[in-house]
Amino acid sequence: MIEKIKMEKAFVYAGALIFPIANAKVSSLVFLLAFLTWAGKKIFGGKPVSISTLDISAIAFFFVNVVGSLFSYDPVSCFKQLVMLSSLIGAYFVISNEFDKGEIRVLLMFIFFSSAIPVLYGYYQSGASAGNQDLWIDRSINPDLETRIYSFFTNPNIYGEYLVNTFFIGLALIASNKTKIGKFLLALLCIAITHQIVLTYSRGAWITYAAGLGIFLFAYNWKFIAAFVPLGIAGAAFSPPVVRQRLASILSGFQDSSFYYRVEIWKNAFEMVKDYGLTGLGYGYQSFHQYYAHYKMPGYNATHSHNLYLQVWLESGIVGFVLFMYMAASSVFYNVRAITKTGIRGSFKELTSLTIIFAILLHGLIDYTLFDYRVCFQFWLALSLTAFASKEKRLGR
């Protein structure tokens, strides 16, 4: 019953419903209220909290970034970003400690179906003028591409990453759902999300979608891989010409201005790592942008390094980078072991976590998407699902 829902859980549910379309400040406030409510109860008479190594790493990651930001070129902008990070880590602790298995499923349902609003707006955008498309389209190798949708997001690549992560939440819910109507509704939105991923024309999103789907099918039944590969090739071969052009551009290398642009930024970012890799620049993409001005080539401008690993290293320093990689890697390994032991139907939490983290890490090779609050929330959600599953097994919840 709704009157029995704890206040901290209600805030998390509310945040899950609004985060795709709400301002980052509003979403962070909701998740902060969830954490402060939960922490207040624990401080003033609640049961002790079970702490895992993943929890310790999350806390350490936050404080490493706090210390690094104190000595940043612009501590004020860093601490604005740290407030948002603290809200996500706060949501991580509430989800992993207070939710039960049924409530986790409801939370994932909220997160999945809340994507219907940006998806609907994306369809509207596909038939209307959608911003300055020249920012995202190299017309010399994509002459037939007119519009890349991005819905309420900063750009098509960020929207594509959000959709890929949301799609895998939907797949995990389908695999664990027991009703035909439930599977149908989930599948219907998954199909729409897949179509939207195509309409973003984000090559990174396409690659992570295909790779993640391959992992999902392998976990479900490895025999499906034999059908998945030829079906994927056939789908690409018979797709519209504009899609085939975009797929072919993946192999165009330096002929693609987007790829050339990234390579030049990576070169500059490596130079920055040499100078600031030990301590970091301070948390948040704004720190990178300010320091990058001293390293960039004439005519280049970037707010981030277009690489997850370089960006985390530059923002958080070597200690923060190691902590970040530990959290991601330990979560992946735990989820793989759990799925192997219990099967896909009993591991929807682990499967959701695994595919989201994998997608973000893979896409992170060619872009940085965690600067967007919504994608960053999905990352910490994935970690919270791993922490929940680990505590559920250890404590017998």
Protein backbone atom coordinates (compact mmCIF):
# COMPACT_ATOMS: atom_id res chain seq x y z
CA MET A 1 0.00 0.00 0.00
CA ILE A 2 1.19 3.51 -0.79
CA GLU A 3 0.89 4.65 2.82
CA LYS A 4 3.47 2.03 3.80
CA ILE A 5 6.11 3.23 1.38
CA LYS A 6 9.02 4.79 3.24
CA MET A 7 9.72 8.41 2.42
CA GLU A 8 13.23 7.70 1.12
CA LYS A 9 11.85 5.10 -1.29
CA ALA A 10 9.12 7.48 -2.44
CA PHE A 11 11.78 10.07 -3.32
CA VAL A 12 13.75 7.47 -5.31
CA TYR A 13 10.61 6.39 -7.18
CA ALA A 14 9.83 10.03 -7.95
CA GLY A 15 13.36 10.63 -9.17
CA ALA A 16 13.15 7.55 -11.40
CA LEU A 17 9.98 8.85 -13.03
CA ILE A 18 11.18 12.38 -13.74
CA PHE A 19 14.90 11.99 -14.45
CA PRO A 20 14.67 11.62 -18.27
CA ILE A 21 12.99 15.01 -18.69
CA ALA A 22 13.70 16.95 -15.48
CA ASN A 23 16.47 19.47 -15.00
CA ALA A 24 19.56 17.88 -13.44
CA LYS A 25 19.26 20.18 -10.43
CA VAL A 26 15.69 19.02 -9.77
CA SER A 27 16.59 15.34 -10.09
CA SER A 28 19.64 15.72 -7.86
CA LEU A 29 17.51 17.48 -5.22
CA VAL A 30 15.01 14.60 -5.20
CA PHE A 31 17.74 11.97 -4.82
CA LEU A 32 19.50 14.04 -2.16
CA LEU A 33 16.25 14.20 -0.18
CA ALA A 34 16.02 10.42 -0.46
CA PHE A 35 19.54 9.99 0.90
CA LEU A 36 19.21 12.56 3.69
CA THR A 37 15.92 11.00 4.83
CA TRP A 38 17.50 7.55 4.89
CA ALA A 39 20.73 8.74 6.55
CA GLY A 40 18.79 10.65 9.20
CA LYS A 41 16.85 7.54 10.14
CA LYS A 42 20.05 5.52 10.38
CA ILE A 43 21.80 8.11 12.52
CA PHE A 44 18.87 8.51 14.92
CA GLY A 45 18.07 4.96 15.82
CA GLY A 46 17.96 2.90 12.66
CA LYS A 47 19.45 -0.53 12.13
CA PRO A 48 23.17 -0.62 11.31
CA VAL A 49 24.08 -0.51 7.64
CA SER A 50 25.90 -3.42 6.05
CA ILE A 51 28.94 -2.03 4.21
CA SER A 52 30.50 -3.82 1.25
CA THR A 53 33.79 -3.20 -0.55
CA LEU A 54 31.77 -1.63 -3.36
CA ASP A 55 30.23 0.79 -0.84
CA ILE A 56 33.66 1.71 0.50
CA SER A 57 34.93 2.28 -3.03
CA ALA A 58 31.97 4.57 -3.80
CA ILE A 59 32.60 6.63 -0.66
CA ALA A 60 36.33 6.78 -1.37
CA PHE A 61 35.69 7.82 -4.97
CA PHE A 62 33.55 10.72 -3.77
CA PHE A 63 36.07 11.99 -1.22
CA VAL A 64 39.00 11.65 -3.62
CA ASN A 65 37.10 13.95 -5.98
CA VAL A 66 36.31 16.36 -3.15
CA VAL A 67 40.00 16.67 -2.25
CA GLY A 68 41.04 17.02 -5.89
CA SER A 69 38.42 19.69 -6.50
CA LEU A 70 39.68 21.79 -3.58
CA PHE A 71 42.86 22.43 -5.56
CA SER A 72 41.15 22.83 -8.92
CA TYR A 73 41.40 25.88 -11.15
CA ASP A 74 37.69 26.51 -10.48
CA PRO A 75 36.58 24.82 -7.21
CA VAL A 76 33.11 26.40 -7.38
CA SER A 77 32.14 24.69 -10.65
CA CYS A 78 33.66 21.44 -9.38
CA PHE A 79 31.58 21.49 -6.22
CA LYS A 80 28.41 22.16 -8.20
CA GLN A 81 29.11 18.93 -10.07
CA LEU A 82 30.01 17.16 -6.82
CA VAL A 83 26.58 17.97 -5.38
CA MET A 84 25.04 16.09 -8.29
CA LEU A 85 27.49 13.21 -7.83
CA SER A 86 26.63 13.05 -4.12
CA SER A 87 22.93 12.75 -4.98
CA LEU A 88 23.62 9.76 -7.25
CA ILE A 89 25.82 8.03 -4.69
CA GLY A 90 23.12 8.78 -2.13
CA ALA A 91 20.53 7.09 -4.35
CA TYR A 92 22.95 4.16 -4.71
CA PHE A 93 22.98 3.65 -0.91
CA VAL A 94 19.20 3.93 -0.53
CA ILE A 95 18.53 1.44 -3.34
CA SER A 96 21.14 -1.10 -2.26
CA ASN A 97 20.20 -0.99 1.43
CA GLU A 98 16.45 -0.28 1.67
CA PHE A 99 14.78 -1.81 -1.38
CA ASP A 100 13.68 -5.44 -1.57
CA LYS A 101 13.55 -7.57 -4.71
CA GLY A 102 9.97 -6.64 -5.55
CA GLU A 103 10.64 -2.94 -5.06
CA ILE A 104 13.71 -3.18 -7.29
CA ARG A 105 11.49 -4.56 -10.04
CA VAL A 106 9.00 -1.71 -9.57
CA LEU A 107 11.85 0.83 -9.66
CA LEU A 108 13.16 -0.63 -12.92
CA MET A 109 9.63 -0.54 -14.35
CA PHE A 110 9.39 3.15 -13.47
CA ILE A 111 12.75 3.87 -15.06
CA PHE A 112 11.90 1.89 -18.19
CA PHE A 113 8.42 3.27 -18.84
CA SER A 114 9.47 6.84 -18.04
CA SER A 115 11.47 6.65 -21.28
CA ALA A 116 8.18 6.78 -23.22
CA ILE A 117 8.12 10.59 -22.94
CA PRO A 118 11.55 11.24 -24.54
CA VAL A 119 10.79 8.53 -27.11
CA LEU A 120 7.53 10.25 -28.11
CA TYR A 121 9.31 13.59 -28.33
CA GLY A 122 12.02 11.94 -30.40
CA TYR A 123 9.41 10.88 -32.95
CA TYR A 124 8.07 14.42 -33.06
CA GLN A 125 11.62 15.68 -33.54
CA SER A 126 12.27 13.27 -36.43
CA GLY A 127 9.53 14.99 -38.42
CA ALA A 128 10.48 18.54 -37.47
CA SER A 129 13.56 20.72 -37.54
CA ALA A 130 15.89 19.39 -34.84
CA GLY A 131 18.55 21.96 -34.09
CA ASN A 132 21.76 22.64 -35.99
CA GLN A 133 22.38 19.26 -37.60
CA ASP A 134 25.70 20.39 -39.10
CA LEU A 135 27.19 19.99 -35.61
CA TRP A 136 26.68 16.22 -35.82
CA ILE A 137 26.69 15.28 -39.50
CA ASP A 138 29.67 15.09 -41.85
CA ARG A 139 27.81 15.49 -45.12
CA SER A 140 30.85 14.56 -47.20
CA ILE A 141 30.43 10.91 -46.16
CA ASN A 142 26.76 11.03 -45.09
CA PRO A 143 25.14 12.99 -47.95
CA ASP A 144 21.66 11.51 -47.43
CA LEU A 145 21.53 11.98 -43.67
CA GLU A 146 19.27 14.91 -42.79
CA THR A 147 18.27 14.58 -39.14
CA ARG A 148 19.73 12.92 -36.05
CA ILE A 149 17.26 12.99 -33.17
CA TYR A 150 18.32 13.79 -29.62
CA SER A 151 14.97 14.34 -27.81
CA PHE A 152 15.53 16.21 -24.51
CA PHE A 153 19.24 15.39 -24.43
CA THR A 154 22.39 17.37 -25.26
CA ASN A 155 23.18 15.54 -28.48
CA PRO A 156 22.31 12.32 -30.36
CA ASN A 157 25.21 10.34 -28.88
CA ILE A 158 24.09 10.98 -25.30
CA TYR A 159 20.50 10.17 -26.19
CA GLY A 160 21.67 7.00 -27.91
CA GLU A 161 23.56 5.85 -24.81
CA TYR A 162 20.54 6.55 -22.60
CA LEU A 163 18.31 4.54 -24.97
CA VAL A 164 20.72 1.60 -25.12
CA ASN A 165 20.87 1.38 -21.32
CA THR A 166 17.08 1.70 -21.07
CA PHE A 167 16.62 -1.00 -23.72
CA PHE A 168 18.64 -3.47 -21.66
CA ILE A 169 16.53 -2.69 -18.59
CA GLY A 170 13.49 -3.57 -20.70
CA LEU A 171 15.04 -6.82 -21.95
CA ALA A 172 15.88 -7.93 -18.42
CA LEU A 173 12.31 -7.17 -17.32
CA ILE A 174 10.91 -9.15 -20.27
CA ALA A 175 13.11 -12.14 -19.44
CA SER A 176 11.90 -12.17 -15.83
CA ASN A 177 8.24 -11.25 -16.47
CA LYS A 178 5.68 -14.04 -16.12
CA THR A 179 2.62 -12.49 -17.80
CA LYS A 180 1.92 -12.27 -21.53
CA ILE A 181 0.48 -8.76 -21.33
CA GLY A 182 3.50 -7.61 -19.33
CA LYS A 183 5.91 -9.06 -21.87
CA PHE A 184 3.91 -7.50 -24.71
CA LEU A 185 3.94 -3.98 -23.24
CA LEU A 186 7.63 -4.20 -22.41
CA ALA A 187 8.45 -5.54 -25.88
CA LEU A 188 6.41 -2.78 -27.55
CA LEU A 189 8.46 -0.04 -25.90
CA CYS A 190 11.70 -1.98 -26.55
CA ILE A 191 10.87 -1.98 -30.27
CA ALA A 192 10.22 1.78 -30.21
CA ILE A 193 13.49 2.35 -28.33
CA THR A 194 15.38 0.26 -30.89
CA HIS A 195 13.91 2.36 -33.69
CA GLN A 196 14.92 5.53 -31.86
CA ILE A 197 18.48 4.22 -31.46
CA VAL A 198 18.58 3.89 -35.24
CA LEU A 199 17.25 7.44 -35.66
CA THR A 200 20.01 8.89 -33.48
CA TYR A 201 22.48 7.64 -36.10
CA SER A 202 24.95 7.32 -33.25
CA ARG A 203 27.50 4.76 -34.36
CA GLY A 204 28.71 4.31 -30.79
CA ALA A 205 25.14 3.55 -29.68
CA TRP A 206 24.69 1.11 -32.57
CA ILE A 207 27.87 -0.77 -31.67
CA THR A 208 27.04 -0.97 -27.96
CA TYR A 209 23.47 -2.03 -28.76
CA ALA A 210 24.67 -4.89 -30.97
CA ALA A 211 27.42 -5.99 -28.57
CA GLY A 212 25.17 -5.79 -25.51
CA LEU A 213 22.39 -7.68 -27.26
CA GLY A 214 24.91 -10.37 -28.15
CA ILE A 215 25.88 -10.68 -24.47
CA PHE A 216 22.22 -10.83 -23.45
CA LEU A 217 21.40 -13.55 -25.97
CA PHE A 218 24.51 -15.51 -24.99
CA ALA A 219 23.44 -15.39 -21.34
CA TYR A 220 19.88 -16.42 -22.25
CA ASN A 221 20.89 -19.22 -24.62
CA TRP A 222 24.25 -19.25 -26.36
CA LYS A 223 22.69 -21.04 -29.36
CA PHE A 224 20.87 -17.82 -30.25
CA ILE A 225 24.20 -16.25 -31.23
CA ALA A 226 24.29 -18.47 -34.32
CA ALA A 227 21.06 -16.82 -35.51
CA PHE A 228 21.87 -13.33 -34.21
CA VAL A 229 24.95 -12.76 -36.39
CA PRO A 230 23.43 -13.60 -39.81
CA LEU A 231 20.20 -11.77 -38.92
CA GLY A 232 22.21 -8.70 -37.98
CA ILE A 233 24.17 -8.81 -41.24
CA ALA A 234 20.96 -9.27 -43.24
CA GLY A 235 19.31 -6.39 -41.38
CA ALA A 236 22.22 -4.10 -42.19
CA ALA A 237 22.28 -5.21 -45.84
CA PHE A 238 18.58 -4.50 -46.38
CA SER A 239 18.43 -1.30 -44.31
CA PRO A 240 17.73 2.08 -45.98
CA PRO A 241 20.67 3.59 -47.90
CA VAL A 242 21.19 6.33 -45.30
CA VAL A 243 21.68 3.68 -42.60
CA ARG A 244 24.11 1.72 -44.78
CA GLN A 245 26.07 4.92 -45.42
CA ARG A 246 26.31 5.56 -41.70
CA LEU A 247 27.41 1.97 -41.01
CA ALA A 248 30.04 2.17 -43.76
CA SER A 249 31.38 5.40 -42.24
CA ILE A 250 32.48 3.40 -39.18
CA LEU A 251 35.32 2.08 -41.33
CA SER A 252 36.13 5.40 -42.98
CA GLY A 253 38.80 6.29 -40.40
CA PHE A 254 40.38 9.72 -40.84
CA GLN A 255 38.09 10.49 -43.77
CA ASP A 256 35.39 11.05 -41.15
CA SER A 257 35.81 14.49 -39.58
CA SER A 258 34.25 13.24 -36.33
CA PHE A 259 36.88 10.52 -35.94
CA TYR A 260 39.73 12.86 -36.85
CA TYR A 261 38.41 15.42 -34.35
CA ARG A 262 38.38 12.80 -31.58
CA VAL A 263 41.89 11.57 -32.32
CA GLU A 264 43.28 15.09 -32.06
CA ILE A 265 41.49 15.65 -28.74
CA TRP A 266 42.80 12.32 -27.43
CA LYS A 267 46.35 13.40 -28.28
CA ASN A 268 45.88 16.60 -26.29
CA ALA A 269 44.23 14.68 -23.44
CA PHE A 270 47.22 12.34 -23.18
CA GLU A 271 49.45 15.40 -22.83
CA MET A 272 47.19 16.61 -20.03
CA VAL A 273 47.43 13.20 -18.32
CA LYS A 274 51.21 13.53 -18.31
CA ASP A 275 50.92 16.83 -16.42
CA TYR A 276 47.87 16.26 -14.20
CA GLY A 277 47.26 12.50 -14.19
CA LEU A 278 48.51 12.05 -10.63
CA THR A 279 46.21 14.52 -8.86
CA GLY A 280 43.55 15.22 -11.47
CA LEU A 281 42.01 18.51 -12.57
CA GLY A 282 38.96 18.45 -10.32
CA TYR A 283 35.59 16.81 -10.76
CA GLY A 284 33.36 17.81 -13.67
CA TYR A 285 33.77 18.43 -17.38
CA GLN A 286 34.13 22.19 -16.82
CA SER A 287 37.57 21.67 -15.26
CA PHE A 288 38.68 19.78 -18.34
CA HIS A 289 37.34 22.52 -20.61
CA GLN A 290 39.28 25.22 -18.77
CA TYR A 291 42.60 23.34 -18.79
CA TYR A 292 42.11 22.09 -22.35
CA ALA A 293 42.38 25.66 -23.60
CA HIS A 294 46.14 25.48 -22.89
CA TYR A 295 46.64 22.25 -24.87
CA LYS A 296 44.25 22.39 -27.80
CA MET A 297 45.19 22.87 -31.43
CA PRO A 298 43.98 26.07 -33.14
CA GLY A 299 40.36 25.74 -34.22
CA TYR A 300 39.55 22.94 -31.76
CA ASN A 301 37.22 23.27 -28.82
CA ALA A 302 35.97 20.50 -26.54
CA THR A 303 34.10 20.33 -23.25
CA HIS A 304 35.35 16.79 -22.58
CA SER A 305 37.89 14.32 -23.93
CA HIS A 306 35.44 12.06 -25.82
CA ASN A 307 36.86 9.10 -23.93
CA LEU A 308 35.51 7.79 -20.62
CA TYR A 309 38.85 6.51 -19.34
CA LEU A 310 40.85 9.63 -20.16
CA GLN A 311 38.11 11.83 -18.72
CA VAL A 312 37.83 9.99 -15.39
CA TRP A 313 41.62 9.92 -15.05
CA LEU A 314 41.91 13.65 -15.78
CA GLU A 315 39.07 14.64 -13.46
CA SER A 316 39.78 12.29 -10.55
CA GLY A 317 43.51 11.58 -10.74
CA ILE A 318 45.11 8.15 -10.65
CA VAL A 319 43.49 7.13 -7.34
CA GLY A 320 40.02 8.10 -8.52
CA PHE A 321 40.59 6.33 -11.83
CA VAL A 322 41.64 3.10 -10.07
CA LEU A 323 38.58 3.29 -7.79
CA PHE A 324 36.28 3.87 -10.75
CA MET A 325 37.71 0.94 -12.69
CA TYR A 326 37.53 -1.27 -9.60
CA MET A 327 33.84 -0.49 -9.11
CA ALA A 328 33.04 -1.18 -12.75
CA ALA A 329 35.19 -4.32 -13.07
CA SER A 330 34.13 -5.89 -9.76
CA SER A 331 30.50 -5.29 -10.66
CA VAL A 332 30.93 -6.93 -14.06
CA PHE A 333 32.71 -9.98 -12.61
CA TYR A 334 30.15 -10.41 -9.83
CA ASN A 335 27.25 -10.20 -12.28
CA VAL A 336 28.80 -12.70 -14.68
CA ARG A 337 29.31 -15.21 -11.86
CA ALA A 338 25.76 -14.72 -10.58
CA ILE A 339 24.18 -15.16 -14.02
CA THR A 340 26.29 -18.26 -14.67
CA LYS A 341 25.16 -19.85 -11.40
CA THR A 342 21.47 -18.96 -11.26
CA GLY A 343 20.47 -18.42 -14.90
CA ILE A 344 18.95 -15.41 -16.57
CA ARG A 345 15.43 -15.67 -15.11
CA GLY A 346 16.65 -15.45 -11.53
CA SER A 347 19.24 -12.77 -12.21
CA PHE A 348 17.36 -9.85 -13.74
CA LYS A 349 19.15 -7.41 -11.39
CA GLU A 350 22.58 -8.72 -12.28
CA LEU A 351 21.73 -8.86 -15.99
CA THR A 352 20.53 -5.25 -15.97
CA SER A 353 23.66 -4.12 -14.14
CA LEU A 354 25.99 -6.09 -16.41
CA THR A 355 24.57 -4.82 -19.69
CA ILE A 356 24.39 -1.17 -18.59
CA ILE A 357 27.97 -1.10 -17.29
CA PHE A 358 29.23 -2.97 -20.35
CA ALA A 359 27.45 -0.52 -22.68
CA ILE A 360 28.88 2.52 -20.90
CA LEU A 361 32.41 1.08 -20.81
CA LEU A 362 32.30 0.10 -24.49
CA HIS A 363 30.84 3.39 -25.67
CA GLY A 364 33.38 5.09 -23.43
CA LEU A 365 36.18 4.04 -25.77
CA ILE A 366 35.03 6.63 -28.30
CA ASP A 367 32.94 9.08 -26.26
CA TYR A 368 32.28 10.38 -22.77
CA THR A 369 28.61 10.21 -21.76
CA LEU A 370 28.74 10.35 -17.95
CA PHE A 371 28.74 14.15 -17.98
CA ASP A 372 25.01 13.85 -18.63
CA TYR A 373 23.19 13.42 -15.31
CA ARG A 374 20.75 10.87 -16.73
CA VAL A 375 23.40 8.52 -18.08
CA CYS A 376 25.43 8.97 -14.89
CA PHE A 377 22.32 7.97 -12.90
CA GLN A 378 22.06 4.81 -14.99
CA PHE A 379 25.68 3.97 -14.16
CA TRP A 380 25.16 4.37 -10.41
CA LEU A 381 21.85 2.50 -10.69
CA ALA A 382 23.76 -0.42 -12.22
CA LEU A 383 26.28 -0.36 -9.36
CA SER A 384 23.44 -0.22 -6.80
CA LEU A 385 21.86 -3.33 -8.36
CA THR A 386 25.16 -5.18 -7.97
CA ALA A 387 25.51 -4.01 -4.37
CA PHE A 388 21.90 -5.03 -3.65
CA ALA A 389 22.37 -8.49 -5.16
CA SER A 390 25.58 -9.01 -3.19
CA LYS A 391 23.96 -7.97 0.10
CA GLU A 392 20.85 -10.01 -0.68
CA LYS A 393 22.97 -13.12 -1.02
CA ARG A 394 25.23 -12.37 1.95
CA LEU A 395 22.51 -11.29 4.38
CA GLY A 396 19.73 -13.54 3.11
CA ARG A 397 17.34 -10.64 2.52
